[in-house]
Amino acid sequence: MKLDGVNKIAIVGTGMIGASFATLFIGNGYDTVMYAINEEQRQVGFNWVNNNYADLIEKGLVTAEQAEICKKHLTITLSYEDLADADFVYECVFENKDVKYEIYANIDKYCTKVRGISSTSSAMDTDLLCQGFEKYKDLFAVAHPWNPPHLVPCVEIVKGSHTSDEALAFICELLESVGRAPVVMTKSVPGFVANRLQHALYREAAYMVEQNIASPQDIDRALMTSFVPRYTNVGIFEHFDYAGLDMIKSIEETLYPDLCVTKEPHDLVLSHYNKGELGPKSDNKQGVLDWTDVDMNVFRQREAEPYLKFFNWSIPEE
């Protein structure tokens, strides 16, 4: 449900992430303006949004009529002046500090009613980024999404030393109003929360392949058919408490000394990387796995499937 008093959302950037957020906000009835650096990128933004809605229609989550109503709430502009009355600004551009600082200077200059500002940065510290503001340091926090953010609920909110409690609460409430699940971090660390967990798991998985404990295919199978589905319904702290910390302590005493503790990328990863085998994006379709005969459209839909149960938009009416 729309947050009272919020009349316009501004998104700077028309790439995949920015367009995904535009898809989300207009899908919940917010008037949204995207800033594009040129006419070509303006069309890129429209294409991404149209493709996102085509997928949603195909999945039966919205009708074609609803999609058209949603898209009436979207404007893509080439002028920062059209962002002037935005209540919230989401910077969604690539990881270049100078580019972001230029955007923040324009937000300072043009946005006179803004109550919260965020960046989708996955790598830069909130306090570093907020140095790009003169007026609005207290309104800024990193809000790192998971792709695609119009389907994946988690958004990691990293407050900085300047972030006001009011701005933090506003950013969280606004994201909750469109069905996102903000996770608030009180300090910035590399990888934030979820990527630290994901790469800790990948570190051990790659180590087991290197040690000839199991194949990549069997490790993937073990994940998908053992504990991973559980964690879509209960949390890891819930599960371990439920199991009993006496048992957890006993397992950890045996297990921890044998786990991988490497501080560098695995030879498994480096060997494929050095051969240019980066996964399905490579010409030979090789990574750790062989992607030669994989239908990537089917894979993309399979990857999105677990998140469809979180679809809970308040789709606007005509």
Protein backbone atom coordinates (compact mmCIF):
# COMPACT_ATOMS: atom_id res chain seq x y z
CA MET A 1 0.00 0.00 0.00
CA LYS A 2 1.30 3.45 -0.92
CA LEU A 3 2.90 5.47 1.86
CA ASP A 4 0.91 8.57 2.75
CA GLY A 5 2.49 11.82 1.65
CA VAL A 6 4.74 10.26 -1.00
CA ASN A 7 3.83 11.73 -4.37
CA LYS A 8 6.85 10.99 -6.57
CA ILE A 9 9.77 8.57 -6.74
CA ALA A 10 12.88 9.48 -8.72
CA ILE A 11 15.33 6.92 -10.10
CA VAL A 12 18.66 7.93 -11.59
CA GLY A 13 19.77 5.28 -14.07
CA THR A 14 17.87 3.30 -16.68
CA GLY A 15 19.77 0.02 -16.60
CA MET A 16 18.53 -3.34 -15.36
CA ILE A 17 18.43 -2.44 -11.65
CA GLY A 18 16.99 1.04 -12.07
CA ALA A 19 14.32 -0.23 -14.44
CA SER A 20 13.51 -3.09 -12.10
CA PHE A 21 12.87 -0.62 -9.29
CA ALA A 22 10.79 1.51 -11.65
CA THR A 23 8.79 -1.63 -12.47
CA LEU A 24 8.25 -2.17 -8.75
CA PHE A 25 7.27 1.39 -7.81
CA ILE A 26 4.85 1.97 -10.68
CA GLY A 27 3.44 -1.49 -10.03
CA ASN A 28 2.41 -0.22 -6.62
CA GLY A 29 0.91 3.02 -7.91
CA TYR A 30 3.76 5.44 -7.28
CA ASP A 31 4.34 8.12 -9.89
CA THR A 32 7.95 7.51 -10.89
CA VAL A 33 10.40 9.49 -12.98
CA MET A 34 13.62 7.97 -14.26
CA TYR A 35 16.57 10.10 -15.30
CA ALA A 36 18.42 9.00 -18.46
CA ILE A 37 21.69 10.50 -19.66
CA ASN A 38 20.60 10.50 -23.32
CA GLU A 39 17.82 9.43 -25.66
CA GLU A 40 19.38 6.02 -26.26
CA GLN A 41 19.42 5.24 -22.53
CA ARG A 42 15.90 6.58 -22.24
CA GLN A 43 14.77 3.90 -24.69
CA VAL A 44 16.83 1.29 -22.83
CA GLY A 45 14.85 2.11 -19.70
CA PHE A 46 11.52 1.74 -21.45
CA ASN A 47 12.65 -1.57 -22.96
CA TRP A 48 13.65 -3.01 -19.59
CA VAL A 49 10.35 -2.00 -17.99
CA ASN A 50 8.33 -3.38 -20.91
CA ASN A 51 10.26 -6.67 -20.76
CA ASN A 52 9.73 -6.93 -17.00
CA TYR A 53 5.98 -6.51 -17.43
CA ALA A 54 5.93 -9.00 -20.30
CA ASP A 55 7.49 -11.56 -17.94
CA LEU A 56 4.96 -10.76 -15.21
CA ILE A 57 2.10 -11.16 -17.67
CA GLU A 58 3.51 -14.48 -18.85
CA LYS A 59 3.69 -15.69 -15.23
CA GLY A 60 0.09 -14.65 -14.62
CA LEU A 61 1.03 -12.13 -11.93
CA VAL A 62 -0.48 -9.14 -13.74
CA THR A 63 -2.81 -8.80 -16.67
CA ALA A 64 -1.97 -6.89 -19.83
CA GLU A 65 -4.55 -4.27 -18.81
CA GLN A 66 -2.96 -3.86 -15.37
CA ALA A 67 0.49 -3.54 -16.92
CA GLU A 68 -0.69 -0.67 -19.10
CA ILE A 69 -2.20 1.10 -16.09
CA CYS A 70 1.06 0.69 -14.19
CA LYS A 71 3.15 2.04 -17.05
CA LYS A 72 1.07 5.24 -17.10
CA HIS A 73 2.80 6.11 -13.81
CA LEU A 74 6.25 6.14 -15.46
CA THR A 75 8.11 9.04 -17.03
CA ILE A 76 11.68 8.92 -18.32
CA THR A 77 13.35 12.30 -18.57
CA LEU A 78 16.62 13.80 -19.72
CA SER A 79 16.39 16.72 -17.26
CA TYR A 80 17.14 16.78 -13.53
CA GLU A 81 14.55 19.54 -13.22
CA ASP A 82 11.85 16.87 -13.54
CA LEU A 83 13.14 15.29 -10.31
CA ALA A 84 12.63 18.50 -8.33
CA ASP A 85 9.51 17.43 -6.41
CA ALA A 86 10.57 13.84 -5.72
CA ASP A 87 10.09 12.57 -2.16
CA PHE A 88 12.66 9.80 -2.60
CA VAL A 89 15.62 9.48 -4.98
CA TYR A 90 17.23 6.13 -5.79
CA GLU A 91 20.64 6.31 -7.48
CA CYS A 92 21.04 3.15 -9.58
CA VAL A 93 24.22 3.61 -11.63
CA PHE A 94 27.48 1.68 -11.95
CA GLU A 95 30.18 1.65 -9.28
CA ASN A 96 32.07 4.84 -10.07
CA LYS A 97 32.43 7.31 -7.21
CA ASP A 98 32.91 10.36 -9.43
CA VAL A 99 29.80 9.56 -11.47
CA LYS A 100 27.80 9.11 -8.27
CA TYR A 101 29.14 12.38 -6.83
CA GLU A 102 28.03 14.22 -9.95
CA ILE A 103 24.54 12.78 -9.51
CA TYR A 104 24.48 13.75 -5.82
CA ALA A 105 25.47 17.32 -6.68
CA ASN A 106 22.46 17.49 -9.00
CA ILE A 107 20.19 16.05 -6.31
CA ASP A 108 21.48 18.76 -3.96
CA LYS A 109 20.76 21.37 -6.60
CA TYR A 110 17.38 20.33 -7.95
CA CYS A 111 15.55 18.15 -5.38
CA THR A 112 13.87 20.51 -2.93
CA LYS A 113 11.30 18.18 -1.30
CA VAL A 114 13.35 15.00 -0.88
CA ARG A 115 12.94 13.03 2.35
CA GLY A 116 15.27 10.11 1.62
CA ILE A 117 18.06 9.23 -0.82
CA SER A 118 19.61 5.84 -1.48
CA SER A 119 22.18 4.15 -3.68
CA THR A 120 22.04 0.59 -4.94
CA SER A 121 25.82 0.33 -4.50
CA SER A 122 27.06 -3.15 -3.66
CA ALA A 123 30.64 -2.11 -2.95
CA MET A 124 30.92 1.46 -1.65
CA ASP A 125 30.70 2.61 1.94
CA THR A 126 27.80 4.87 2.94
CA ASP A 127 30.08 7.44 4.58
CA LEU A 128 32.28 7.56 1.49
CA LEU A 129 29.32 8.10 -0.82
CA CYS A 130 27.62 10.73 1.32
CA GLN A 131 30.66 12.96 0.89
CA GLY A 132 29.19 13.73 -2.52
CA PHE A 133 26.39 15.72 -0.85
CA GLU A 134 26.55 19.21 0.57
CA LYS A 135 22.94 19.50 1.81
CA TYR A 136 21.62 15.98 2.14
CA LYS A 137 24.16 13.82 3.99
CA ASP A 138 21.58 13.12 6.71
CA LEU A 139 19.03 11.81 4.19
CA PHE A 140 21.33 9.24 2.59
CA ALA A 141 21.82 5.50 3.12
CA VAL A 142 22.95 2.71 0.82
CA ALA A 143 20.03 0.40 -0.01
CA HIS A 144 21.51 -2.59 -1.80
CA PRO A 145 18.95 -4.82 -3.58
CA TRP A 146 19.12 -8.35 -4.93
CA ASN A 147 18.47 -8.87 -8.60
CA PRO A 148 15.79 -8.51 -9.85
CA PRO A 149 14.56 -6.15 -7.13
CA HIS A 150 10.99 -6.11 -8.42
CA LEU A 151 10.82 -9.82 -7.48
CA VAL A 152 13.44 -10.36 -4.73
CA PRO A 153 12.30 -8.81 -1.42
CA CYS A 154 15.62 -8.35 0.40
CA VAL A 155 17.17 -4.86 0.42
CA GLU A 156 20.21 -4.30 2.64
CA ILE A 157 20.09 -0.83 4.22
CA VAL A 158 23.48 0.47 5.34
CA LYS A 159 23.21 3.59 7.46
CA GLY A 160 26.12 5.96 7.76
CA SER A 161 27.36 8.17 10.55
CA HIS A 162 25.33 11.07 9.11
CA THR A 163 22.10 9.15 8.38
CA SER A 164 19.23 10.52 10.48
CA ASP A 165 16.82 8.19 12.24
CA GLU A 166 13.97 9.90 10.40
CA ALA A 167 15.49 9.30 6.96
CA LEU A 168 16.32 5.67 7.80
CA ALA A 169 12.77 5.04 8.99
CA PHE A 170 11.35 6.69 5.86
CA ILE A 171 13.51 4.63 3.50
CA CYS A 172 12.55 1.40 5.27
CA GLU A 173 8.83 2.28 5.36
CA LEU A 174 8.83 3.23 1.69
CA LEU A 175 10.48 -0.05 0.68
CA GLU A 176 8.11 -2.01 2.91
CA SER A 177 5.18 -0.27 1.21
CA VAL A 178 6.19 -1.98 -2.05
CA GLY A 179 6.68 -5.38 -0.42
CA ARG A 180 10.43 -5.26 0.11
CA ALA A 181 12.11 -6.66 3.24
CA PRO A 182 14.68 -4.13 4.50
CA VAL A 183 17.62 -5.53 6.46
CA VAL A 184 19.25 -2.71 8.43
CA MET A 185 23.01 -2.77 9.01
CA THR A 186 24.51 -0.50 11.66
CA LYS A 187 27.88 -0.47 9.91
CA SER A 188 29.26 -1.24 6.47
CA VAL A 189 31.31 -4.37 5.82
CA PRO A 190 32.42 -5.89 2.49
CA GLY A 191 29.62 -7.95 0.99
CA PHE A 192 27.02 -6.64 3.43
CA VAL A 193 24.96 -9.48 4.99
CA ALA A 194 23.64 -11.77 2.28
CA ASN A 195 26.71 -11.89 0.02
CA ARG A 196 28.91 -12.73 3.00
CA LEU A 197 26.66 -15.70 3.70
CA GLN A 198 26.44 -16.69 0.03
CA HIS A 199 30.20 -16.59 -0.56
CA ALA A 200 30.96 -18.38 2.71
CA LEU A 201 28.82 -21.21 1.34
CA TYR A 202 30.49 -21.04 -2.09
CA ARG A 203 33.95 -21.10 -0.47
CA GLU A 204 33.16 -24.42 1.20
CA ALA A 205 31.44 -25.81 -1.93
CA ALA A 206 34.44 -25.02 -4.15
CA TYR A 207 36.80 -26.46 -1.53
CA MET A 208 34.89 -29.77 -1.53
CA VAL A 209 35.21 -29.96 -5.32
CA GLU A 210 38.96 -29.32 -5.08
CA GLN A 211 39.28 -32.01 -2.41
CA ASN A 212 37.39 -34.51 -4.61
CA ILE A 213 34.73 -34.89 -1.94
CA ALA A 214 31.89 -34.48 -4.46
CA SER A 215 31.24 -33.13 -7.94
CA PRO A 216 29.78 -29.64 -8.52
CA GLN A 217 26.60 -31.27 -9.78
CA ASP A 218 26.17 -33.41 -6.66
CA ILE A 219 26.93 -30.47 -4.36
CA ASP A 220 24.24 -28.43 -6.14
CA ARG A 221 21.87 -31.37 -5.79
CA ALA A 222 22.61 -31.65 -2.07
CA LEU A 223 21.86 -27.96 -1.57
CA MET A 224 18.59 -28.00 -3.49
CA THR A 225 17.29 -31.14 -1.78
CA SER A 226 18.46 -30.64 1.83
CA PHE A 227 18.56 -27.43 3.85
CA VAL A 228 18.23 -24.65 1.24
CA PRO A 229 14.43 -25.00 0.77
CA ARG A 230 14.00 -24.87 4.56
CA TYR A 231 15.52 -21.40 4.72
CA THR A 232 12.79 -19.94 2.52
CA ASN A 233 10.40 -20.51 5.45
CA VAL A 234 12.53 -20.33 8.61
CA GLY A 235 15.74 -18.47 9.42
CA ILE A 236 19.08 -20.02 10.27
CA PHE A 237 18.98 -18.74 13.86
CA GLU A 238 15.45 -20.06 14.23
CA HIS A 239 16.48 -23.47 12.91
CA PHE A 240 19.65 -23.81 14.97
CA ASP A 241 17.88 -22.72 18.18
CA TYR A 242 15.12 -25.20 17.40
CA ALA A 243 17.69 -27.97 16.88
CA GLY A 244 19.30 -27.15 20.21
CA LEU A 245 22.53 -25.28 20.83
CA ASP A 246 23.97 -28.26 22.69
CA MET A 247 23.86 -30.23 19.44
CA ILE A 248 25.14 -27.24 17.45
CA LYS A 249 28.12 -26.88 19.80
CA SER A 250 28.96 -30.56 19.43
CA ILE A 251 28.82 -30.42 15.61
CA GLU A 252 30.90 -27.24 15.45
CA GLU A 253 33.64 -28.72 17.65
CA THR A 254 34.08 -31.51 15.10
CA LEU A 255 33.35 -29.55 11.92
CA TYR A 256 34.97 -26.12 12.27
CA PRO A 257 38.60 -27.33 12.31
CA ASP A 258 37.99 -29.07 8.96
CA LEU A 259 36.26 -26.22 7.09
CA CYS A 260 37.94 -24.18 4.38
CA VAL A 261 39.56 -20.96 5.63
CA THR A 262 41.23 -19.72 2.43
CA LYS A 263 41.57 -15.94 2.09
CA GLU A 264 42.07 -16.06 -1.70
CA PRO A 265 39.87 -17.14 -4.62
CA HIS A 266 39.92 -20.89 -5.13
CA ASP A 267 42.13 -22.58 -7.73
CA LEU A 268 38.86 -24.05 -9.04
CA VAL A 269 37.65 -20.54 -9.88
CA LEU A 270 41.02 -19.19 -11.05
CA SER A 271 41.73 -22.10 -13.39
CA HIS A 272 38.49 -21.51 -15.30
CA TYR A 273 38.90 -17.74 -15.13
CA ASN A 274 42.40 -17.90 -16.61
CA LYS A 275 41.08 -19.96 -19.54
CA GLY A 276 38.31 -17.43 -20.17
CA GLU A 277 35.69 -19.92 -18.99
CA LEU A 278 33.38 -17.54 -17.14
CA GLY A 279 30.11 -19.41 -17.44
CA PRO A 280 27.29 -19.05 -19.98
CA LYS A 281 28.52 -15.57 -21.00
CA SER A 282 31.67 -17.13 -22.50
CA ASP A 283 31.88 -18.07 -26.17
CA ASN A 284 32.49 -21.71 -25.29
CA LYS A 285 29.68 -21.73 -22.67
CA GLN A 286 32.00 -23.19 -20.03
CA GLY A 287 32.42 -22.36 -16.36
CA VAL A 288 32.72 -24.81 -13.50
CA LEU A 289 29.72 -26.34 -15.28
CA ASP A 290 29.06 -26.94 -18.99
CA TRP A 291 26.31 -24.57 -20.23
CA THR A 292 26.41 -25.63 -23.88
CA ASP A 293 22.95 -27.19 -24.05
CA VAL A 294 21.22 -25.03 -21.41
CA ASP A 295 18.21 -23.00 -22.53
CA MET A 296 19.06 -19.71 -20.81
CA ASN A 297 15.50 -18.39 -20.94
CA VAL A 298 14.31 -21.50 -19.11
CA PHE A 299 17.17 -21.15 -16.61
CA ARG A 300 16.34 -17.47 -16.01
CA GLN A 301 12.72 -18.34 -15.28
CA ARG A 302 13.76 -21.24 -13.02
CA GLU A 303 16.03 -18.87 -11.10
CA ALA A 304 13.15 -16.40 -10.59
CA GLU A 305 10.55 -19.03 -9.69
CA PRO A 306 11.22 -19.17 -5.90
CA TYR A 307 10.54 -15.45 -5.58
CA LEU A 308 7.13 -15.47 -7.21
CA LYS A 309 5.50 -16.38 -3.90
CA PHE A 310 6.60 -12.98 -2.56
CA PHE A 311 4.64 -11.10 -5.23
CA ASN A 312 2.29 -8.90 -3.19
CA TRP A 313 1.95 -5.64 -5.09
CA SER A 314 -0.86 -3.16 -4.58
CA ILE A 315 -1.48 -2.76 -8.30
CA PRO A 316 -3.08 0.60 -9.11
CA GLU A 317 -6.54 0.84 -10.60
CA GLU A 318 -7.42 3.04 -13.58
